[in-house]
Amino acid sequence: MKIIKVKRITKQEKYYSSAMGILNSKVTYIKKYVLGFPTKTLYKYRETYYGEVKDCEDCNLFI
C-alpha cells in the first residue's frame, strides 16, 4: 500500500461566465491523498465551451 497517492477526478459542474452566462463543464481535480484520505487539491482545471483547457480561477464556480 502506498502512503502518498495522486488522483485525477473529473466532475460535471456549473460555472458562470460573464460573456455567456451559466454553463455546464467538465472540471478536473488533481488531489493528493495520504493513507487514502484527501489532503490537498493540487490543481483544478476545466474545458471551455470552445474546447480550450483553462484554470478554474478564471471563472466563478457554483457549488
N, C-alpha and C. Protein backbone atom coordinates (compact mmCIF):
# COMPACT_ATOMS: atom_id res chain seq x y z
N MET A 1 0.84 -1.19 0.00
CA MET A 1 0.00 0.00 0.00
C MET A 1 0.88 1.24 0.00
N LYS A 2 0.54 2.16 -0.89
CA LYS A 2 1.29 3.40 -0.98
C LYS A 2 0.82 4.37 0.11
N ILE A 3 1.73 5.14 0.64
CA ILE A 3 1.38 6.12 1.67
C ILE A 3 0.84 7.39 1.02
N ILE A 4 1.50 7.87 -0.04
CA ILE A 4 1.08 9.09 -0.73
C ILE A 4 0.67 8.71 -2.15
N LYS A 5 -0.51 9.19 -2.58
CA LYS A 5 -1.03 8.89 -3.91
C LYS A 5 -1.61 10.17 -4.50
N VAL A 6 -1.53 10.32 -5.81
CA VAL A 6 -2.11 11.46 -6.51
C VAL A 6 -3.17 10.93 -7.46
N LYS A 7 -4.41 11.47 -7.37
CA LYS A 7 -5.52 11.02 -8.21
C LYS A 7 -6.07 12.18 -9.01
N ARG A 8 -6.62 11.84 -10.17
CA ARG A 8 -7.28 12.81 -11.03
C ARG A 8 -8.76 12.42 -11.11
N ILE A 9 -9.66 13.34 -10.77
CA ILE A 9 -11.10 13.08 -10.77
C ILE A 9 -11.79 14.15 -11.61
N THR A 10 -12.71 13.73 -12.48
CA THR A 10 -13.45 14.66 -13.35
C THR A 10 -14.92 14.63 -12.97
N LYS A 11 -15.52 15.84 -12.82
CA LYS A 11 -16.94 16.00 -12.48
C LYS A 11 -17.57 17.02 -13.42
N GLN A 12 -18.90 16.94 -13.57
CA GLN A 12 -19.67 17.97 -14.26
C GLN A 12 -20.05 19.04 -13.23
N GLU A 13 -19.74 20.31 -13.53
CA GLU A 13 -20.10 21.40 -12.62
C GLU A 13 -20.63 22.58 -13.42
N LYS A 14 -21.44 23.38 -12.75
CA LYS A 14 -21.93 24.62 -13.34
C LYS A 14 -20.94 25.73 -13.02
N TYR A 15 -20.74 26.62 -13.98
CA TYR A 15 -19.92 27.80 -13.72
C TYR A 15 -20.54 28.99 -14.44
N TYR A 16 -20.14 30.18 -14.03
CA TYR A 16 -20.68 31.40 -14.59
C TYR A 16 -19.60 32.10 -15.39
N SER A 17 -19.91 32.42 -16.60
CA SER A 17 -19.04 33.19 -17.46
C SER A 17 -19.74 34.51 -17.76
N SER A 18 -19.05 35.62 -17.63
CA SER A 18 -19.70 36.91 -17.86
C SER A 18 -20.09 37.07 -19.32
N ALA A 19 -19.38 36.43 -20.23
CA ALA A 19 -19.71 36.56 -21.64
C ALA A 19 -20.88 35.67 -22.05
N MET A 20 -21.02 34.47 -21.44
CA MET A 20 -22.01 33.50 -21.91
C MET A 20 -23.05 33.10 -20.88
N GLY A 21 -22.91 33.54 -19.64
CA GLY A 21 -23.88 33.18 -18.60
C GLY A 21 -23.52 31.87 -17.92
N ILE A 22 -24.52 31.11 -17.47
CA ILE A 22 -24.30 29.88 -16.73
C ILE A 22 -24.13 28.72 -17.73
N LEU A 23 -23.04 27.96 -17.56
CA LEU A 23 -22.75 26.83 -18.43
C LEU A 23 -22.36 25.62 -17.60
N ASN A 24 -22.54 24.42 -18.16
CA ASN A 24 -22.05 23.19 -17.54
C ASN A 24 -20.74 22.82 -18.21
N SER A 25 -19.77 22.35 -17.42
CA SER A 25 -18.49 21.98 -17.97
C SER A 25 -17.87 20.87 -17.14
N LYS A 26 -16.95 20.11 -17.73
CA LYS A 26 -16.21 19.10 -17.00
C LYS A 26 -15.05 19.77 -16.28
N VAL A 27 -14.99 19.58 -14.96
CA VAL A 27 -13.92 20.14 -14.14
C VAL A 27 -13.08 18.99 -13.63
N THR A 28 -11.77 19.07 -13.81
CA THR A 28 -10.86 18.02 -13.39
C THR A 28 -10.08 18.49 -12.18
N TYR A 29 -10.10 17.68 -11.11
CA TYR A 29 -9.35 17.96 -9.89
C TYR A 29 -8.17 17.00 -9.81
N ILE A 30 -7.01 17.50 -9.46
CA ILE A 30 -5.86 16.65 -9.17
C ILE A 30 -5.62 16.81 -7.68
N LYS A 31 -5.83 15.70 -6.92
CA LYS A 31 -5.76 15.74 -5.46
C LYS A 31 -4.67 14.82 -4.95
N LYS A 32 -4.12 15.21 -3.81
CA LYS A 32 -3.11 14.41 -3.12
C LYS A 32 -3.77 13.68 -1.96
N TYR A 33 -3.55 12.36 -1.87
CA TYR A 33 -4.12 11.52 -0.82
C TYR A 33 -2.99 10.97 0.04
N VAL A 34 -3.17 11.00 1.36
CA VAL A 34 -2.24 10.40 2.31
C VAL A 34 -3.01 9.34 3.09
N LEU A 35 -2.57 8.11 2.99
CA LEU A 35 -3.22 6.96 3.64
C LEU A 35 -4.69 6.84 3.22
N GLY A 36 -5.02 7.21 1.99
CA GLY A 36 -6.38 7.08 1.46
C GLY A 36 -7.29 8.25 1.74
N PHE A 37 -6.84 9.26 2.47
CA PHE A 37 -7.65 10.44 2.79
C PHE A 37 -7.15 11.64 1.98
N PRO A 38 -8.08 12.40 1.35
CA PRO A 38 -7.65 13.56 0.58
C PRO A 38 -7.12 14.66 1.50
N THR A 39 -5.95 15.18 1.16
CA THR A 39 -5.34 16.21 2.00
C THR A 39 -5.29 17.57 1.31
N LYS A 40 -5.05 17.59 -0.01
CA LYS A 40 -4.82 18.86 -0.68
C LYS A 40 -5.22 18.75 -2.15
N THR A 41 -5.83 19.82 -2.68
CA THR A 41 -6.10 19.91 -4.11
C THR A 41 -4.91 20.60 -4.75
N LEU A 42 -4.20 19.88 -5.60
CA LEU A 42 -3.01 20.42 -6.22
C LEU A 42 -3.33 21.35 -7.39
N TYR A 43 -4.32 20.95 -8.20
CA TYR A 43 -4.64 21.74 -9.38
C TYR A 43 -6.09 21.47 -9.78
N LYS A 44 -6.76 22.47 -10.35
CA LYS A 44 -8.14 22.36 -10.79
C LYS A 44 -8.26 23.08 -12.13
N TYR A 45 -8.71 22.36 -13.16
CA TYR A 45 -8.86 22.98 -14.47
C TYR A 45 -10.14 22.49 -15.13
N ARG A 46 -10.57 23.18 -16.18
CA ARG A 46 -11.81 22.86 -16.86
C ARG A 46 -11.64 23.01 -18.37
N GLU A 47 -12.54 22.36 -19.10
CA GLU A 47 -12.59 22.51 -20.54
C GLU A 47 -13.65 23.53 -20.87
N THR A 48 -13.33 24.51 -21.70
CA THR A 48 -14.26 25.58 -22.02
C THR A 48 -15.23 25.15 -23.10
N TYR A 49 -16.18 26.01 -23.41
CA TYR A 49 -17.18 25.78 -24.46
C TYR A 49 -16.52 25.57 -25.81
N TYR A 50 -15.38 26.22 -26.03
CA TYR A 50 -14.67 26.16 -27.31
C TYR A 50 -13.61 25.06 -27.36
N GLY A 51 -13.46 24.27 -26.28
CA GLY A 51 -12.51 23.16 -26.27
C GLY A 51 -11.16 23.49 -25.66
N GLU A 52 -10.94 24.72 -25.21
CA GLU A 52 -9.68 25.09 -24.57
C GLU A 52 -9.66 24.55 -23.14
N VAL A 53 -8.47 24.39 -22.57
CA VAL A 53 -8.33 23.98 -21.18
C VAL A 53 -7.86 25.20 -20.40
N LYS A 54 -8.62 25.58 -19.34
CA LYS A 54 -8.31 26.78 -18.55
C LYS A 54 -8.26 26.45 -17.08
N ASP A 55 -7.54 27.26 -16.35
CA ASP A 55 -7.51 27.16 -14.89
C ASP A 55 -8.84 27.65 -14.34
N CYS A 56 -9.33 27.05 -13.29
CA CYS A 56 -10.66 27.39 -12.75
C CYS A 56 -10.68 28.72 -12.01
N GLU A 57 -9.56 29.35 -11.77
CA GLU A 57 -9.57 30.65 -11.12
C GLU A 57 -10.02 31.75 -12.07
N ASP A 58 -10.12 31.43 -13.38
CA ASP A 58 -10.59 32.39 -14.37
C ASP A 58 -12.10 32.55 -14.38
N CYS A 59 -12.83 31.70 -13.64
CA CYS A 59 -14.29 31.73 -13.65
C CYS A 59 -14.83 31.60 -12.23
N ASN A 60 -16.12 31.90 -12.06
CA ASN A 60 -16.78 31.74 -10.76
C ASN A 60 -17.54 30.43 -10.80
N LEU A 61 -17.20 29.47 -9.93
CA LEU A 61 -17.89 28.19 -9.90
C LEU A 61 -19.02 28.20 -8.90
N PHE A 62 -20.16 27.61 -9.26
CA PHE A 62 -21.25 27.38 -8.32
C PHE A 62 -21.04 26.02 -7.69
N ILE A 63 -21.22 25.93 -6.39
CA ILE A 63 -21.05 24.64 -5.70
C ILE A 63 -22.35 24.26 -5.04
